[in-house]
Amino acid sequence: MQRRKTNRFDNISIGFLIGFVLPVVVFFVVYLIGKNDISVAEYIKSLKQLNVLIKLGSLCVFLNSAVFMGFIKLKFEKTARGILGATIIYAFAILISRAF
């Protein structure tokens, strides 16, 4: 039986961290590209009034699927599992926020 060489980056907690931080980073990049003359709180409030906050959140989380596929191709299954877990948690949060 061959032992697979383990990589220190093939870790579920690293995947969770990537999966939770990446959508937030994408959101702030969108904020920086957009209107810089208002604060982040005002930006979020205006997105909520326009009913686009949930859609933008969904798009930010969608990037996790591309990163997930990249880690699968690199054969980092544990990291990909963490990213998938974070994506599912975000998906439930978006689903709940759409309901209310």
PDB file of N, CA and C in Angstrom:
ATOM      1  N   MET A   1       0.830  -1.168   0.000  1.00  0.00           N
ATOM      2  CA  MET A   1       0.000   0.000   0.000  1.00  0.00           C
ATOM      3  C   MET A   1       0.884   1.243   0.000  1.00  0.00           C
ATOM      4  N   GLN A   2       0.648   2.114  -0.958  1.00  0.00           N
ATOM      5  CA  GLN A   2       1.442   3.320  -1.058  1.00  0.00           C
ATOM      6  C   GLN A   2       0.866   4.412  -0.175  1.00  0.00           C
ATOM      7  N   ARG A   3       1.754   5.092   0.486  1.00  0.00           N
ATOM      8  CA  ARG A   3       1.320   6.229   1.290  1.00  0.00           C
ATOM      9  C   ARG A   3       1.398   7.474   0.442  1.00  0.00           C
ATOM     10  N   ARG A   4       0.367   8.235   0.491  1.00  0.00           N
ATOM     11  CA  ARG A   4       0.337   9.476  -0.262  1.00  0.00           C
ATOM     12  C   ARG A   4       1.104  10.547   0.500  1.00  0.00           C
ATOM     13  N   LYS A   5       1.904  11.279  -0.215  1.00  0.00           N
ATOM     14  CA  LYS A   5       2.665  12.353   0.394  1.00  0.00           C
ATOM     15  C   LYS A   5       1.701  13.464   0.808  1.00  0.00           C
ATOM     16  N   THR A   6       1.737  13.840   2.075  1.00  0.00           N
ATOM     17  CA  THR A   6       0.814  14.873   2.549  1.00  0.00           C
ATOM     18  C   THR A   6       1.434  16.249   2.362  1.00  0.00           C
ATOM     19  N   ASN A   7       0.572  17.194   2.113  1.00  0.00           N
ATOM     20  CA  ASN A   7       0.985  18.562   1.943  1.00  0.00           C
ATOM     21  C   ASN A   7       0.435  19.356   3.111  1.00  0.00           C
ATOM     22  N   ARG A   8       1.205  20.271   3.632  1.00  0.00           N
ATOM     23  CA  ARG A   8       0.747  21.023   4.797  1.00  0.00           C
ATOM     24  C   ARG A   8      -0.399  21.965   4.467  1.00  0.00           C
ATOM     25  N   PHE A   9      -0.604  22.292   3.193  1.00  0.00           N
ATOM     26  CA  PHE A   9      -1.714  23.149   2.791  1.00  0.00           C
ATOM     27  C   PHE A   9      -2.983  22.346   2.512  1.00  0.00           C
ATOM     28  N   ASP A  10      -2.898  21.020   2.532  1.00  0.00           N
ATOM     29  CA  ASP A  10      -4.076  20.176   2.337  1.00  0.00           C
ATOM     30  C   ASP A  10      -4.723  19.945   3.694  1.00  0.00           C
ATOM     31  N   ASN A  11      -5.488  20.955   4.128  1.00  0.00           N
ATOM     32  CA  ASN A  11      -6.047  20.966   5.470  1.00  0.00           C
ATOM     33  C   ASN A  11      -7.455  21.564   5.402  1.00  0.00           C
ATOM     34  N   ILE A  12      -8.389  20.969   6.109  1.00  0.00           N
ATOM     35  CA  ILE A  12      -9.772  21.441   6.084  1.00  0.00           C
ATOM     36  C   ILE A  12      -9.887  22.856   6.651  1.00  0.00           C
ATOM     37  N   SER A  13      -9.152  23.150   7.718  1.00  0.00           N
ATOM     38  CA  SER A  13      -9.260  24.485   8.322  1.00  0.00           C
ATOM     39  C   SER A  13      -8.740  25.569   7.385  1.00  0.00           C
ATOM     40  N   ILE A  14      -7.720  25.278   6.615  1.00  0.00           N
ATOM     41  CA  ILE A  14      -7.232  26.244   5.626  1.00  0.00           C
ATOM     42  C   ILE A  14      -8.299  26.454   4.556  1.00  0.00           C
ATOM     43  N   GLY A  15      -8.961  25.391   4.153  1.00  0.00           N
ATOM     44  CA  GLY A  15     -10.049  25.502   3.182  1.00  0.00           C
ATOM     45  C   GLY A  15     -11.203  26.343   3.715  1.00  0.00           C
ATOM     46  N   PHE A  16     -11.572  26.142   5.002  1.00  0.00           N
ATOM     47  CA  PHE A  16     -12.625  26.961   5.612  1.00  0.00           C
ATOM     48  C   PHE A  16     -12.215  28.429   5.615  1.00  0.00           C
ATOM     49  N   LEU A  17     -10.966  28.688   5.965  1.00  0.00           N
ATOM     50  CA  LEU A  17     -10.483  30.063   6.008  1.00  0.00           C
ATOM     51  C   LEU A  17     -10.550  30.707   4.623  1.00  0.00           C
ATOM     52  N   ILE A  18     -10.088  29.997   3.615  1.00  0.00           N
ATOM     53  CA  ILE A  18     -10.150  30.504   2.245  1.00  0.00           C
ATOM     54  C   ILE A  18     -11.593  30.714   1.827  1.00  0.00           C
ATOM     55  N   GLY A  19     -12.445  29.744   2.132  1.00  0.00           N
ATOM     56  CA  GLY A  19     -13.850  29.820   1.740  1.00  0.00           C
ATOM     57  C   GLY A  19     -14.618  30.946   2.405  1.00  0.00           C
ATOM     58  N   PHE A  20     -14.245  31.316   3.626  1.00  0.00           N
ATOM     59  CA  PHE A  20     -14.929  32.408   4.304  1.00  0.00           C
ATOM     60  C   PHE A  20     -14.348  33.773   3.954  1.00  0.00           C
ATOM     61  N   VAL A  21     -13.045  33.851   3.730  1.00  0.00           N
ATOM     62  CA  VAL A  21     -12.394  35.141   3.496  1.00  0.00           C
ATOM     63  C   VAL A  21     -12.535  35.597   2.042  1.00  0.00           C
ATOM     64  N   LEU A  22     -12.485  34.687   1.102  1.00  0.00           N
ATOM     65  CA  LEU A  22     -12.504  35.057  -0.315  1.00  0.00           C
ATOM     66  C   LEU A  22     -13.743  35.862  -0.718  1.00  0.00           C
ATOM     67  N   PRO A  23     -14.963  35.467  -0.352  1.00  0.00           N
ATOM     68  CA  PRO A  23     -16.124  36.300  -0.719  1.00  0.00           C
ATOM     69  C   PRO A  23     -16.085  37.700  -0.105  1.00  0.00           C
ATOM     70  N   VAL A  24     -15.558  37.815   1.101  1.00  0.00           N
ATOM     71  CA  VAL A  24     -15.454  39.127   1.740  1.00  0.00           C
ATOM     72  C   VAL A  24     -14.454  40.000   0.982  1.00  0.00           C
ATOM     73  N   VAL A  25     -13.338  39.410   0.582  1.00  0.00           N
ATOM     74  CA  VAL A  25     -12.342  40.146  -0.192  1.00  0.00           C
ATOM     75  C   VAL A  25     -12.925  40.593  -1.529  1.00  0.00           C
ATOM     76  N   VAL A  26     -13.661  39.713  -2.195  1.00  0.00           N
ATOM     77  CA  VAL A  26     -14.289  40.061  -3.471  1.00  0.00           C
ATOM     78  C   VAL A  26     -15.291  41.195  -3.276  1.00  0.00           C
ATOM     79  N   PHE A  27     -16.059  41.157  -2.185  1.00  0.00           N
ATOM     80  CA  PHE A  27     -17.018  42.223  -1.909  1.00  0.00           C
ATOM     81  C   PHE A  27     -16.305  43.564  -1.758  1.00  0.00           C
ATOM     82  N   PHE A  28     -15.195  43.583  -1.017  1.00  0.00           N
ATOM     83  CA  PHE A  28     -14.472  44.835  -0.827  1.00  0.00           C
ATOM     84  C   PHE A  28     -13.786  45.307  -2.109  1.00  0.00           C
ATOM     85  N   VAL A  29     -13.381  44.383  -2.962  1.00  0.00           N
ATOM     86  CA  VAL A  29     -12.828  44.778  -4.266  1.00  0.00           C
ATOM     87  C   VAL A  29     -13.915  45.442  -5.103  1.00  0.00           C
ATOM     88  N   VAL A  30     -15.113  44.880  -5.080  1.00  0.00           N
ATOM     89  CA  VAL A  30     -16.238  45.488  -5.804  1.00  0.00           C
ATOM     90  C   VAL A  30     -16.534  46.867  -5.227  1.00  0.00           C
ATOM     91  N   TYR A  31     -16.467  46.999  -3.910  1.00  0.00           N
ATOM     92  CA  TYR A  31     -16.684  48.304  -3.267  1.00  0.00           C
ATOM     93  C   TYR A  31     -15.629  49.309  -3.712  1.00  0.00           C
ATOM     94  N   LEU A  32     -14.379  48.895  -3.730  1.00  0.00           N
ATOM     95  CA  LEU A  32     -13.298  49.805  -4.107  1.00  0.00           C
ATOM     96  C   LEU A  32     -13.368  50.197  -5.580  1.00  0.00           C
ATOM     97  N   ILE A  33     -13.822  49.280  -6.429  1.00  0.00           N
ATOM     98  CA  ILE A  33     -13.960  49.592  -7.848  1.00  0.00           C
ATOM     99  C   ILE A  33     -15.129  50.548  -8.065  1.00  0.00           C
ATOM    100  N   GLY A  34     -16.168  50.386  -7.257  1.00  0.00           N
ATOM    101  CA  GLY A  34     -17.376  51.213  -7.394  1.00  0.00           C
ATOM    102  C   GLY A  34     -17.201  52.578  -6.769  1.00  0.00           C
ATOM    103  N   LYS A  35     -18.207  52.991  -6.019  1.00  0.00           N
ATOM    104  CA  LYS A  35     -18.225  54.326  -5.427  1.00  0.00           C
ATOM    105  C   LYS A  35     -17.326  54.390  -4.197  1.00  0.00           C
ATOM    106  N   ASN A  36     -16.328  55.231  -4.258  1.00  0.00           N
ATOM    107  CA  ASN A  36     -15.419  55.392  -3.123  1.00  0.00           C
ATOM    108  C   ASN A  36     -15.790  56.576  -2.241  1.00  0.00           C
ATOM    109  N   ASP A  37     -16.753  57.366  -2.655  1.00  0.00           N
ATOM    110  CA  ASP A  37     -17.080  58.563  -1.901  1.00  0.00           C
ATOM    111  C   ASP A  37     -18.035  58.301  -0.728  1.00  0.00           C
ATOM    112  N   ILE A  38     -18.482  57.068  -0.542  1.00  0.00           N
ATOM    113  CA  ILE A  38     -19.351  56.740   0.592  1.00  0.00           C
ATOM    114  C   ILE A  38     -18.673  55.671   1.436  1.00  0.00           C
ATOM    115  N   SER A  39     -19.109  55.569   2.679  1.00  0.00           N
ATOM    116  CA  SER A  39     -18.528  54.575   3.583  1.00  0.00           C
ATOM    117  C   SER A  39     -19.059  53.188   3.242  1.00  0.00           C
ATOM    118  N   VAL A  40     -18.417  52.189   3.808  1.00  0.00           N
ATOM    119  CA  VAL A  40     -18.832  50.806   3.568  1.00  0.00           C
ATOM    120  C   VAL A  40     -20.243  50.576   4.110  1.00  0.00           C
ATOM    121  N   ALA A  41     -20.541  51.133   5.282  1.00  0.00           N
ATOM    122  CA  ALA A  41     -21.875  50.959   5.866  1.00  0.00           C
ATOM    123  C   ALA A  41     -22.955  51.578   4.976  1.00  0.00           C
ATOM    124  N   GLU A  42     -22.671  52.758   4.446  1.00  0.00           N
ATOM    125  CA  GLU A  42     -23.634  53.395   3.539  1.00  0.00           C
ATOM    126  C   GLU A  42     -23.771  52.608   2.239  1.00  0.00           C
ATOM    127  N   TYR A  43     -22.659  52.051   1.776  1.00  0.00           N
ATOM    128  CA  TYR A  43     -22.666  51.242   0.558  1.00  0.00           C
ATOM    129  C   TYR A  43     -23.544  50.008   0.744  1.00  0.00           C
ATOM    130  N   ILE A  44     -23.388  49.336   1.865  1.00  0.00           N
ATOM    131  CA  ILE A  44     -24.199  48.151   2.159  1.00  0.00           C
ATOM    132  C   ILE A  44     -25.666  48.535   2.304  1.00  0.00           C
ATOM    133  N   LYS A  45     -25.921  49.665   2.958  1.00  0.00           N
ATOM    134  CA  LYS A  45     -27.302  50.132   3.140  1.00  0.00           C
ATOM    135  C   LYS A  45     -27.945  50.443   1.789  1.00  0.00           C
ATOM    136  N   SER A  46     -27.200  51.081   0.892  1.00  0.00           N
ATOM    137  CA  SER A  46     -27.761  51.400  -0.426  1.00  0.00           C
ATOM    138  C   SER A  46     -27.994  50.140  -1.251  1.00  0.00           C
ATOM    139  N   LEU A  47     -27.100  49.157  -1.131  1.00  0.00           N
ATOM    140  CA  LEU A  47     -27.309  47.886  -1.833  1.00  0.00           C
ATOM    141  C   LEU A  47     -28.541  47.168  -1.308  1.00  0.00           C
ATOM    142  N   LYS A  48     -28.748  47.252  -0.001  1.00  0.00           N
ATOM    143  CA  LYS A  48     -29.912  46.611   0.601  1.00  0.00           C
ATOM    144  C   LYS A  48     -31.206  47.284   0.139  1.00  0.00           C
ATOM    145  N   GLN A  49     -31.199  48.621   0.041  1.00  0.00           N
ATOM    146  CA  GLN A  49     -32.384  49.349  -0.418  1.00  0.00           C
ATOM    147  C   GLN A  49     -32.703  49.026  -1.866  1.00  0.00           C
ATOM    148  N   LEU A  50     -31.671  48.786  -2.673  1.00  0.00           N
ATOM    149  CA  LEU A  50     -31.869  48.452  -4.088  1.00  0.00           C
ATOM    150  C   LEU A  50     -32.156  46.961  -4.316  1.00  0.00           C
ATOM    151  N   ASN A  51     -32.167  46.186  -3.230  1.00  0.00           N
ATOM    152  CA  ASN A  51     -32.372  44.730  -3.288  1.00  0.00           C
ATOM    153  C   ASN A  51     -31.300  44.026  -4.125  1.00  0.00           C
ATOM    154  N   VAL A  52     -30.068  44.493  -4.022  1.00  0.00           N
ATOM    155  CA  VAL A  52     -28.971  43.880  -4.766  1.00  0.00           C
ATOM    156  C   VAL A  52     -27.930  43.262  -3.841  1.00  0.00           C
ATOM    157  N   LEU A  53     -28.067  43.469  -2.552  1.00  0.00           N
ATOM    158  CA  LEU A  53     -27.066  42.967  -1.615  1.00  0.00           C
ATOM    159  C   LEU A  53     -26.979  41.446  -1.657  1.00  0.00           C
ATOM    160  N   ILE A  54     -28.104  40.783  -1.678  1.00  0.00           N
ATOM    161  CA  ILE A  54     -28.120  39.316  -1.696  1.00  0.00           C
ATOM    162  C   ILE A  54     -27.557  38.798  -3.021  1.00  0.00           C
ATOM    163  N   LYS A  55     -27.865  39.476  -4.111  1.00  0.00           N
ATOM    164  CA  LYS A  55     -27.347  39.058  -5.417  1.00  0.00           C
ATOM    165  C   LYS A  55     -25.838  39.236  -5.485  1.00  0.00           C
ATOM    166  N   LEU A  56     -25.344  40.350  -4.964  1.00  0.00           N
ATOM    167  CA  LEU A  56     -23.896  40.569  -4.942  1.00  0.00           C
ATOM    168  C   LEU A  56     -23.218  39.550  -4.029  1.00  0.00           C
ATOM    169  N   GLY A  57     -23.842  39.245  -2.898  1.00  0.00           N
ATOM    170  CA  GLY A  57     -23.306  38.221  -2.006  1.00  0.00           C
ATOM    171  C   GLY A  57     -23.241  36.865  -2.683  1.00  0.00           C
ATOM    172  N   SER A  58     -24.260  36.544  -3.464  1.00  0.00           N
ATOM    173  CA  SER A  58     -24.263  35.272  -4.196  1.00  0.00           C
ATOM    174  C   SER A  58     -23.137  35.217  -5.221  1.00  0.00           C
ATOM    175  N   LEU A  59     -22.910  36.325  -5.897  1.00  0.00           N
ATOM    176  CA  LEU A  59     -21.818  36.367  -6.873  1.00  0.00           C
ATOM    177  C   LEU A  59     -20.452  36.249  -6.204  1.00  0.00           C
ATOM    178  N   CYS A  60     -20.317  36.869  -5.038  1.00  0.00           N
ATOM    179  CA  CYS A  60     -19.050  36.765  -4.307  1.00  0.00           C
ATOM    180  C   CYS A  60     -18.781  35.329  -3.873  1.00  0.00           C
ATOM    181  N   VAL A  61     -19.825  34.636  -3.447  1.00  0.00           N
ATOM    182  CA  VAL A  61     -19.676  33.246  -3.011  1.00  0.00           C
ATOM    183  C   VAL A  61     -19.451  32.325  -4.209  1.00  0.00           C
ATOM    184  N   PHE A  62     -19.991  32.707  -5.367  1.00  0.00           N
ATOM    185  CA  PHE A  62     -19.828  31.893  -6.570  1.00  0.00           C
ATOM    186  C   PHE A  62     -18.360  31.690  -6.933  1.00  0.00           C
ATOM    187  N   LEU A  63     -17.514  32.651  -6.605  1.00  0.00           N
ATOM    188  CA  LEU A  63     -16.083  32.519  -6.883  1.00  0.00           C
ATOM    189  C   LEU A  63     -15.478  31.340  -6.115  1.00  0.00           C
ATOM    190  N   ASN A  64     -16.077  30.973  -4.990  1.00  0.00           N
ATOM    191  CA  ASN A  64     -15.596  29.818  -4.223  1.00  0.00           C
ATOM    192  C   ASN A  64     -15.632  28.537  -5.056  1.00  0.00           C
ATOM    193  N   SER A  65     -16.589  28.425  -5.975  1.00  0.00           N
ATOM    194  CA  SER A  65     -16.667  27.203  -6.789  1.00  0.00           C
ATOM    195  C   SER A  65     -15.463  27.079  -7.709  1.00  0.00           C
ATOM    196  N   ALA A  66     -14.981  28.189  -8.248  1.00  0.00           N
ATOM    197  CA  ALA A  66     -13.787  28.147  -9.099  1.00  0.00           C
ATOM    198  C   ALA A  66     -12.549  27.773  -8.286  1.00  0.00           C
ATOM    199  N   VAL A  67     -12.439  28.337  -7.089  1.00  0.00           N
ATOM    200  CA  VAL A  67     -11.303  28.003  -6.222  1.00  0.00           C
ATOM    201  C   VAL A  67     -11.396  26.538  -5.786  1.00  0.00           C
ATOM    202  N   PHE A  68     -12.610  26.086  -5.491  1.00  0.00           N
ATOM    203  CA  PHE A  68     -12.840  24.683  -5.134  1.00  0.00           C
ATOM    204  C   PHE A  68     -12.339  23.750  -6.246  1.00  0.00           C
ATOM    205  N   MET A  69     -12.720  24.066  -7.482  1.00  0.00           N
ATOM    206  CA  MET A  69     -12.285  23.225  -8.613  1.00  0.00           C
ATOM    207  C   MET A  69     -10.765  23.265  -8.795  1.00  0.00           C
ATOM    208  N   GLY A  70     -10.165  24.409  -8.535  1.00  0.00           N
ATOM    209  CA  GLY A  70      -8.703  24.506  -8.620  1.00  0.00           C
ATOM    210  C   GLY A  70      -8.016  23.602  -7.613  1.00  0.00           C
ATOM    211  N   PHE A  71      -8.516  23.573  -6.386  1.00  0.00           N
ATOM    212  CA  PHE A  71      -7.914  22.706  -5.375  1.00  0.00           C
ATOM    213  C   PHE A  71      -8.185  21.228  -5.661  1.00  0.00           C
ATOM    214  N   ILE A  72      -9.305  20.923  -6.285  1.00  0.00           N
ATOM    215  CA  ILE A  72      -9.570  19.540  -6.687  1.00  0.00           C
ATOM    216  C   ILE A  72      -8.545  19.111  -7.748  1.00  0.00           C
ATOM    217  N   LYS A  73      -8.285  20.001  -8.710  1.00  0.00           N
ATOM    218  CA  LYS A  73      -7.295  19.691  -9.755  1.00  0.00           C
ATOM    219  C   LYS A  73      -5.903  19.498  -9.169  1.00  0.00           C
ATOM    220  N   LEU A  74      -5.589  20.252  -8.114  1.00  0.00           N
ATOM    221  CA  LEU A  74      -4.283  20.127  -7.459  1.00  0.00           C
ATOM    222  C   LEU A  74      -4.222  18.922  -6.520  1.00  0.00           C
ATOM    223  N   LYS A  75      -5.341  18.208  -6.399  1.00  0.00           N
ATOM    224  CA  LYS A  75      -5.462  17.034  -5.527  1.00  0.00           C
ATOM    225  C   LYS A  75      -5.325  17.399  -4.043  1.00  0.00           C
ATOM    226  N   PHE A  76      -5.849  18.579  -3.686  1.00  0.00           N
ATOM    227  CA  PHE A  76      -5.919  18.998  -2.288  1.00  0.00           C
ATOM    228  C   PHE A  76      -7.356  18.796  -1.832  1.00  0.00           C
ATOM    229  N   GLU A  77      -7.734  17.539  -1.630  1.00  0.00           N
ATOM    230  CA  GLU A  77      -9.124  17.212  -1.342  1.00  0.00           C
ATOM    231  C   GLU A  77      -9.607  17.775  -0.005  1.00  0.00           C
ATOM    232  N   LYS A  78      -8.751  17.786   1.010  1.00  0.00           N
ATOM    233  CA  LYS A  78      -9.177  18.297   2.322  1.00  0.00           C
ATOM    234  C   LYS A  78      -9.412  19.800   2.271  1.00  0.00           C
ATOM    235  N   THR A  79      -8.550  20.522   1.588  1.00  0.00           N
ATOM    236  CA  THR A  79      -8.742  21.965   1.445  1.00  0.00           C
ATOM    237  C   THR A  79     -10.009  22.249   0.654  1.00  0.00           C
ATOM    238  N   ALA A  80     -10.231  21.487  -0.397  1.00  0.00           N
ATOM    239  CA  ALA A  80     -11.440  21.650  -1.208  1.00  0.00           C
ATOM    240  C   ALA A  80     -12.677  21.347  -0.371  1.00  0.00           C
ATOM    241  N   ARG A  81     -12.592  20.381   0.507  1.00  0.00           N
ATOM    242  CA  ARG A  81     -13.715  20.053   1.383  1.00  0.00           C
ATOM    243  C   ARG A  81     -14.036  21.220   2.328  1.00  0.00           C
ATOM    244  N   GLY A  82     -13.004  21.883   2.837  1.00  0.00           N
ATOM    245  CA  GLY A  82     -13.215  23.060   3.683  1.00  0.00           C
ATOM    246  C   GLY A  82     -13.853  24.202   2.925  1.00  0.00           C
ATOM    247  N   ILE A  83     -13.405  24.431   1.685  1.00  0.00           N
ATOM    248  CA  ILE A  83     -14.003  25.481   0.858  1.00  0.00           C
ATOM    249  C   ILE A  83     -15.462  25.158   0.582  1.00  0.00           C
ATOM    250  N   LEU A  84     -15.748  23.910   0.301  1.00  0.00           N
ATOM    251  CA  LEU A  84     -17.134  23.495   0.051  1.00  0.00           C
ATOM    252  C   LEU A  84     -18.001  23.700   1.286  1.00  0.00           C
ATOM    253  N   GLY A  85     -17.465  23.384   2.455  1.00  0.00           N
ATOM    254  CA  GLY A  85     -18.209  23.592   3.695  1.00  0.00           C
ATOM    255  C   GLY A  85     -18.529  25.061   3.931  1.00  0.00           C
ATOM    256  N   ALA A  86     -17.558  25.930   3.700  1.00  0.00           N
ATOM    257  CA  ALA A  86     -17.787  27.367   3.860  1.00  0.00           C
ATOM    258  C   ALA A  86     -18.805  27.864   2.842  1.00  0.00           C
ATOM    259  N   THR A  87     -18.743  27.344   1.623  1.00  0.00           N
ATOM    260  CA  THR A  87     -19.689  27.737   0.583  1.00  0.00           C
ATOM    261  C   THR A  87     -21.108  27.320   0.953  1.00  0.00           C
ATOM    262  N   ILE A  88     -21.256  26.141   1.517  1.00  0.00           N
ATOM    263  CA  ILE A  88     -22.581  25.667   1.931  1.00  0.00           C
ATOM    264  C   ILE A  88     -23.129  26.532   3.061  1.00  0.00           C
ATOM    265  N   ILE A  89     -22.279  26.923   3.991  1.00  0.00           N
ATOM    266  CA  ILE A  89     -22.720  27.795   5.088  1.00  0.00           C
ATOM    267  C   ILE A  89     -23.161  29.152   4.536  1.00  0.00           C
ATOM    268  N   TYR A  90     -22.370  29.718   3.600  1.00  0.00           N
ATOM    269  CA  TYR A  90     -22.769  30.971   2.959  1.00  0.00           C
ATOM    270  C   TYR A  90     -24.091  30.800   2.201  1.00  0.00           C
ATOM    271  N   ALA A  91     -24.245  29.666   1.522  1.00  0.00           N
ATOM    272  CA  ALA A  91     -25.474  29.426   0.754  1.00  0.00           C
ATOM    273  C   ALA A  91     -26.695  29.385   1.674  1.00  0.00           C
ATOM    274  N   PHE A  92     -26.566  28.737   2.835  1.00  0.00           N
ATOM    275  CA  PHE A  92     -27.668  28.723   3.794  1.00  0.00           C
ATOM    276  C   PHE A  92     -27.959  30.125   4.314  1.00  0.00           C
ATOM    277  N   ALA A  93     -26.919  30.909   4.569  1.00  0.00           N
ATOM    278  CA  ALA A  93     -27.122  32.282   5.051  1.00  0.00           C
ATOM    279  C   ALA A  93     -27.844  33.118   3.998  1.00  0.00           C
ATOM    280  N   ILE A  94     -27.482  32.962   2.739  1.00  0.00           N
ATOM    281  CA  ILE A  94     -28.143  33.695   1.660  1.00  0.00           C
ATOM    282  C   ILE A  94     -29.586  33.225   1.508  1.00  0.00           C
ATOM    283  N   LEU A  95     -29.794  31.923   1.618  1.00  0.00           N
ATOM    284  CA  LEU A  95     -31.150  31.377   1.522  1.00  0.00           C
ATOM    285  C   LEU A  95     -32.045  31.909   2.635  1.00  0.00           C
ATOM    286  N   ILE A  96     -31.516  31.953   3.840  1.00  0.00           N
ATOM    287  CA  ILE A  96     -32.283  32.471   4.974  1.00  0.00           C
ATOM    288  C   ILE A  96     -32.563  33.964   4.795  1.00  0.00           C
ATOM    289  N   SER A  97     -31.558  34.703   4.317  1.00  0.00           N
ATOM    290  CA  SER A  97     -31.767  36.146   4.137  1.00  0.00           C
ATOM    291  C   SER A  97     -32.768  36.439   3.019  1.00  0.00           C
ATOM    292  N   ARG A  98     -32.859  35.578   2.026  1.00  0.00           N
ATOM    293  CA  ARG A  98     -33.860  35.747   0.979  1.00  0.00           C
ATOM    294  C   ARG A  98     -35.275  35.485   1.522  1.00  0.00           C
ATOM    295  N   ALA A  99     -35.375  34.610   2.493  1.00  0.00           N
ATOM    296  CA  ALA A  99     -36.682  34.267   3.049  1.00  0.00           C
ATOM    297  C   ALA A  99     -37.243  35.390   3.910  1.00  0.00           C
ATOM    298  N   PHE A 100     -36.360  36.209   4.472  1.00  0.00           N
ATOM    299  CA  PHE A 100     -36.827  37.277   5.370  1.00  0.00           C
ATOM    300  C   PHE A 100     -36.554  38.588   4.762  1.00  0.00           C
TER     301      PHE A 100
END
